[in-house]
Amino acid sequence: MKKNVGNTDKSIRILLAIAVALMYSFDVIEGTLAYILMAIAIILLGTSLLNFCPLYRILGINTCKIKK
């Protein structure tokens, strides 16, 4: 797996995952919407920790700066 998630993208993904987790813990979201958003948050957190997004690979997107 080649890295395709840059630092800014990684930070945004982590912040979104934290925001969803906080909304769930404070009962701002509940029910089916909460489960869907939590699943998305887990995916965002996982892709940010791995520095790899399969959807980016399919679409040919790379936000990771290449060091030469």
N, C-alpha and C. Protein backbone atom coordinates (compact mmCIF):
# COMPACT_ATOMS: atom_id res chain seq x y z
N MET A 1 0.84 -1.18 0.00
CA MET A 1 0.00 0.00 0.00
C MET A 1 0.88 1.24 0.00
N LYS A 2 0.74 2.02 -1.02
CA LYS A 2 1.48 3.26 -1.12
C LYS A 2 0.68 4.37 -0.45
N LYS A 3 1.34 5.21 0.32
CA LYS A 3 0.66 6.29 1.03
C LYS A 3 0.02 7.25 0.03
N ASN A 4 -1.26 7.61 0.28
CA ASN A 4 -1.92 8.58 -0.57
C ASN A 4 -2.74 9.59 0.23
N VAL A 5 -2.53 9.64 1.54
CA VAL A 5 -3.23 10.59 2.41
C VAL A 5 -2.19 11.50 3.05
N GLY A 6 -2.29 12.80 2.78
CA GLY A 6 -1.34 13.77 3.32
C GLY A 6 -1.68 14.18 4.74
N ASN A 7 -0.81 15.01 5.32
CA ASN A 7 -0.97 15.42 6.71
C ASN A 7 -2.23 16.25 6.94
N THR A 8 -2.54 17.17 6.05
CA THR A 8 -3.73 18.00 6.21
C THR A 8 -4.98 17.14 6.11
N ASP A 9 -5.01 16.27 5.13
CA ASP A 9 -6.13 15.35 4.93
C ASP A 9 -6.29 14.44 6.15
N LYS A 10 -5.18 13.98 6.67
CA LYS A 10 -5.17 13.10 7.85
C LYS A 10 -5.75 13.83 9.06
N SER A 11 -5.35 15.07 9.26
CA SER A 11 -5.85 15.86 10.39
C SER A 11 -7.35 16.10 10.30
N ILE A 12 -7.83 16.40 9.11
CA ILE A 12 -9.26 16.64 8.90
C ILE A 12 -10.06 15.37 9.18
N ARG A 13 -9.55 14.24 8.73
CA ARG A 13 -10.23 12.96 8.97
C ARG A 13 -10.32 12.65 10.46
N ILE A 14 -9.23 12.88 11.18
CA ILE A 14 -9.22 12.61 12.62
C ILE A 14 -10.18 13.55 13.35
N LEU A 15 -10.18 14.84 12.99
CA LEU A 15 -11.08 15.80 13.62
C LEU A 15 -12.55 15.45 13.36
N LEU A 16 -12.86 15.01 12.15
CA LEU A 16 -14.24 14.61 11.85
C LEU A 16 -14.65 13.39 12.66
N ALA A 17 -13.75 12.43 12.80
CA ALA A 17 -14.04 11.24 13.58
C ALA A 17 -14.27 11.59 15.05
N ILE A 18 -13.46 12.50 15.59
CA ILE A 18 -13.63 12.93 16.97
C ILE A 18 -14.95 13.68 17.13
N ALA A 19 -15.29 14.52 16.16
CA ALA A 19 -16.54 15.28 16.23
C ALA A 19 -17.75 14.35 16.25
N VAL A 20 -17.74 13.33 15.42
CA VAL A 20 -18.85 12.37 15.39
C VAL A 20 -18.93 11.61 16.72
N ALA A 21 -17.78 11.22 17.25
CA ALA A 21 -17.77 10.50 18.52
C ALA A 21 -18.31 11.38 19.66
N LEU A 22 -17.94 12.65 19.65
CA LEU A 22 -18.45 13.57 20.67
C LEU A 22 -19.95 13.80 20.53
N MET A 23 -20.42 13.94 19.28
CA MET A 23 -21.86 14.13 19.07
C MET A 23 -22.63 12.91 19.55
N TYR A 24 -22.07 11.74 19.34
CA TYR A 24 -22.73 10.52 19.79
C TYR A 24 -22.73 10.44 21.32
N SER A 25 -21.62 10.78 21.93
CA SER A 25 -21.53 10.66 23.39
C SER A 25 -22.41 11.70 24.10
N PHE A 26 -22.66 12.85 23.48
CA PHE A 26 -23.52 13.87 24.08
C PHE A 26 -24.97 13.77 23.58
N ASP A 27 -25.30 12.66 22.93
CA ASP A 27 -26.65 12.38 22.43
C ASP A 27 -27.19 13.43 21.46
N VAL A 28 -26.30 14.03 20.69
CA VAL A 28 -26.74 14.95 19.64
C VAL A 28 -27.29 14.14 18.47
N ILE A 29 -26.65 13.02 18.19
CA ILE A 29 -27.13 12.12 17.15
C ILE A 29 -27.51 10.80 17.81
N GLU A 30 -28.51 10.16 17.27
CA GLU A 30 -28.95 8.87 17.83
C GLU A 30 -29.63 8.05 16.76
N GLY A 31 -29.85 6.81 17.05
CA GLY A 31 -30.55 5.91 16.14
C GLY A 31 -29.70 5.49 14.96
N THR A 32 -30.36 5.29 13.83
CA THR A 32 -29.70 4.82 12.62
C THR A 32 -28.65 5.81 12.13
N LEU A 33 -28.96 7.09 12.20
CA LEU A 33 -27.99 8.11 11.78
C LEU A 33 -26.70 8.00 12.58
N ALA A 34 -26.81 7.78 13.86
CA ALA A 34 -25.63 7.65 14.72
C ALA A 34 -24.78 6.46 14.30
N TYR A 35 -25.42 5.33 14.01
CA TYR A 35 -24.68 4.14 13.60
C TYR A 35 -23.97 4.35 12.26
N ILE A 36 -24.64 5.00 11.34
CA ILE A 36 -24.04 5.27 10.03
C ILE A 36 -22.85 6.21 10.17
N LEU A 37 -23.04 7.29 10.93
CA LEU A 37 -21.96 8.25 11.11
C LEU A 37 -20.78 7.66 11.89
N MET A 38 -21.07 6.80 12.86
CA MET A 38 -19.99 6.15 13.60
C MET A 38 -19.20 5.20 12.69
N ALA A 39 -19.88 4.50 11.80
CA ALA A 39 -19.19 3.62 10.85
C ALA A 39 -18.28 4.45 9.93
N ILE A 40 -18.78 5.57 9.46
CA ILE A 40 -17.97 6.46 8.61
C ILE A 40 -16.79 7.00 9.40
N ALA A 41 -17.02 7.36 10.66
CA ALA A 41 -15.94 7.88 11.51
C ALA A 41 -14.85 6.84 11.72
N ILE A 42 -15.25 5.59 11.90
CA ILE A 42 -14.27 4.51 12.08
C ILE A 42 -13.45 4.32 10.81
N ILE A 43 -14.11 4.40 9.66
CA ILE A 43 -13.40 4.28 8.38
C ILE A 43 -12.42 5.44 8.21
N LEU A 44 -12.87 6.67 8.52
CA LEU A 44 -12.00 7.84 8.41
C LEU A 44 -10.79 7.72 9.33
N LEU A 45 -11.02 7.26 10.54
CA LEU A 45 -9.93 7.10 11.49
C LEU A 45 -8.95 6.02 11.03
N GLY A 46 -9.48 4.92 10.52
CA GLY A 46 -8.62 3.84 10.02
C GLY A 46 -7.77 4.26 8.84
N THR A 47 -8.38 4.97 7.89
CA THR A 47 -7.61 5.41 6.72
C THR A 47 -6.58 6.46 7.10
N SER A 48 -6.88 7.28 8.11
CA SER A 48 -5.89 8.27 8.52
C SER A 48 -4.72 7.61 9.25
N LEU A 49 -4.98 6.57 10.02
CA LEU A 49 -3.89 5.88 10.71
C LEU A 49 -3.02 5.07 9.76
N LEU A 50 -3.62 4.55 8.69
CA LEU A 50 -2.86 3.77 7.71
C LEU A 50 -2.22 4.64 6.63
N ASN A 51 -2.62 5.91 6.56
CA ASN A 51 -2.16 6.83 5.50
C ASN A 51 -2.51 6.31 4.11
N PHE A 52 -3.57 5.55 4.02
CA PHE A 52 -3.98 4.97 2.74
C PHE A 52 -5.50 4.96 2.65
N CYS A 53 -6.02 5.47 1.54
CA CYS A 53 -7.46 5.48 1.30
C CYS A 53 -7.74 4.72 -0.01
N PRO A 54 -8.45 3.59 0.06
CA PRO A 54 -8.73 2.82 -1.16
C PRO A 54 -9.53 3.63 -2.19
N LEU A 55 -10.43 4.48 -1.74
CA LEU A 55 -11.22 5.30 -2.67
C LEU A 55 -10.33 6.28 -3.42
N TYR A 56 -9.35 6.86 -2.73
CA TYR A 56 -8.39 7.74 -3.40
C TYR A 56 -7.64 7.00 -4.49
N ARG A 57 -7.27 5.74 -4.21
CA ARG A 57 -6.54 4.96 -5.20
C ARG A 57 -7.39 4.73 -6.45
N ILE A 58 -8.66 4.41 -6.25
CA ILE A 58 -9.57 4.18 -7.38
C ILE A 58 -9.74 5.45 -8.21
N LEU A 59 -9.87 6.59 -7.51
CA LEU A 59 -10.08 7.86 -8.19
C LEU A 59 -8.79 8.53 -8.66
N GLY A 60 -7.65 7.98 -8.28
CA GLY A 60 -6.36 8.53 -8.70
C GLY A 60 -5.97 9.79 -7.94
N ILE A 61 -6.44 9.95 -6.72
CA ILE A 61 -6.15 11.12 -5.91
C ILE A 61 -4.99 10.80 -4.97
N ASN A 62 -4.09 11.75 -4.80
CA ASN A 62 -2.98 11.58 -3.87
C ASN A 62 -2.72 12.93 -3.20
N THR A 63 -2.99 13.02 -1.90
CA THR A 63 -2.76 14.27 -1.16
C THR A 63 -1.45 14.22 -0.38
N CYS A 64 -0.72 13.13 -0.49
CA CYS A 64 0.54 12.96 0.22
C CYS A 64 1.67 13.61 -0.60
N LYS A 65 2.44 14.46 0.08
CA LYS A 65 3.57 15.09 -0.60
C LYS A 65 4.68 14.07 -0.76
N ILE A 66 5.25 14.02 -1.96
CA ILE A 66 6.30 13.07 -2.27
C ILE A 66 7.65 13.75 -2.02
N LYS A 67 8.48 13.12 -1.17
CA LYS A 67 9.81 13.66 -0.88
C LYS A 67 10.79 13.12 -1.89
N LYS A 68 11.56 14.03 -2.46
CA LYS A 68 12.57 13.62 -3.46
C LYS A 68 13.95 13.88 -2.94
